[in-house]
């Protein structure tokens, strides 16, 4: 294992109970293992969020570069939506 650094962290009572329960159940050998896995999951979540943001930005720029839209204002978009909704209700 890589060198380790000891940190002191504060958890809510409920979180601390969950960590202790995970260790008591035998799923983890120590509370440190629980926290390390939680941090690995957090890293994966952050990486996924970063990727999603990058993808959204790309789509946003693609939309901007595609030219002027069909509608000239938000009011026109709302009117068209109301018309489609009314047509579907018939």
Protein backbone atom coordinates (compact mmCIF):
# COMPACT_ATOMS: atom_id res chain seq x y z
CA UNK A 1 0.00 0.00 0.00
CA UNK A 2 1.18 3.56 -0.64
CA UNK A 3 2.31 5.64 2.28
CA UNK A 4 -0.59 6.76 4.42
CA UNK A 5 -1.39 9.96 6.22
CA UNK A 6 -3.61 9.99 9.25
CA UNK A 7 -6.43 12.53 9.28
CA UNK A 8 -8.99 13.33 11.87
CA UNK A 9 -12.47 13.72 10.44
CA UNK A 10 -15.80 14.65 11.98
CA UNK A 11 -18.93 12.69 11.04
CA UNK A 12 -22.51 13.02 12.10
CA UNK A 13 -23.66 10.44 14.61
CA UNK A 14 -25.66 8.69 11.87
CA UNK A 15 -22.66 8.53 9.51
CA UNK A 16 -20.39 7.22 12.26
CA UNK A 17 -22.98 4.53 13.06
CA UNK A 18 -23.08 3.50 9.39
CA UNK A 19 -19.29 3.20 9.29
CA UNK A 20 -19.25 1.10 12.46
CA UNK A 21 -22.08 -1.10 11.15
CA UNK A 22 -20.21 -1.71 7.90
CA UNK A 23 -17.14 -2.83 9.85
CA UNK A 24 -19.15 -4.98 12.30
CA UNK A 25 -20.90 -6.73 9.42
CA UNK A 26 -17.53 -7.85 8.10
CA UNK A 27 -17.88 -5.96 4.82
CA UNK A 28 -14.83 -3.90 5.76
CA UNK A 29 -11.84 -4.59 7.96
CA UNK A 30 -11.69 -1.05 9.35
CA UNK A 31 -13.39 2.32 9.33
CA UNK A 32 -10.48 3.58 7.21
CA UNK A 33 -11.43 1.08 4.50
CA UNK A 34 -15.00 2.40 4.50
CA UNK A 35 -13.79 5.99 4.13
CA UNK A 36 -11.26 5.08 1.40
CA UNK A 37 -13.98 3.36 -0.63
CA UNK A 38 -16.28 6.34 -0.15
CA UNK A 39 -13.52 8.62 -1.45
CA UNK A 40 -12.94 6.39 -4.48
CA UNK A 41 -16.66 6.53 -5.25
CA UNK A 42 -16.60 10.31 -4.80
CA UNK A 43 -13.71 10.58 -7.28
CA UNK A 44 -15.62 8.52 -9.86
CA UNK A 45 -18.71 10.66 -9.35
CA UNK A 46 -16.70 13.86 -9.83
CA UNK A 47 -15.05 12.50 -12.97
CA UNK A 48 -18.46 11.57 -14.39
CA UNK A 49 -19.84 15.04 -13.57
CA UNK A 50 -16.85 16.67 -15.25
CA UNK A 51 -17.42 14.53 -18.35
CA UNK A 52 -21.12 15.38 -18.43
CA UNK A 53 -20.37 19.10 -18.12
CA UNK A 54 -17.83 18.86 -20.94
CA UNK A 55 -20.40 17.08 -23.11
CA UNK A 56 -23.09 19.68 -22.32
CA UNK A 57 -20.72 22.51 -23.19
CA UNK A 58 -19.96 20.84 -26.50
CA UNK A 59 -23.65 20.46 -27.29
CA UNK A 60 -24.27 24.08 -26.28
CA UNK A 61 -21.55 25.33 -28.63
CA UNK A 62 -22.76 23.04 -31.39
CA UNK A 63 -26.23 24.53 -31.02
CA UNK A 64 -24.88 28.08 -31.10
CA UNK A 65 -22.80 27.35 -34.18
CA UNK A 66 -25.75 25.73 -36.00
CA UNK A 67 -27.23 29.14 -36.74
CA UNK A 68 -30.38 31.01 -35.96
CA UNK A 69 -33.20 28.99 -34.51
CA UNK A 70 -36.69 28.56 -35.87
CA UNK A 71 -38.23 30.88 -33.27
CA UNK A 72 -37.31 34.49 -32.68
CA UNK A 73 -38.30 34.76 -29.05
CA UNK A 74 -39.27 32.79 -25.97
CA UNK A 75 -42.86 33.92 -26.49
CA UNK A 76 -42.90 32.28 -29.94
CA UNK A 77 -41.61 29.05 -28.40
CA UNK A 78 -44.37 29.14 -25.78
CA UNK A 79 -47.05 29.81 -28.41
CA UNK A 80 -45.86 26.92 -30.57
CA UNK A 81 -45.83 24.63 -27.53
CA UNK A 82 -49.36 25.67 -26.60
CA UNK A 83 -50.53 24.98 -30.17
CA UNK A 84 -48.98 21.49 -30.14
CA UNK A 85 -50.50 20.77 -26.74
CA UNK A 86 -53.94 21.88 -27.95
CA UNK A 87 -53.60 19.72 -31.09
CA UNK A 88 -52.71 16.67 -28.98
CA UNK A 89 -55.72 17.21 -26.72
CA UNK A 90 -58.13 16.99 -29.67
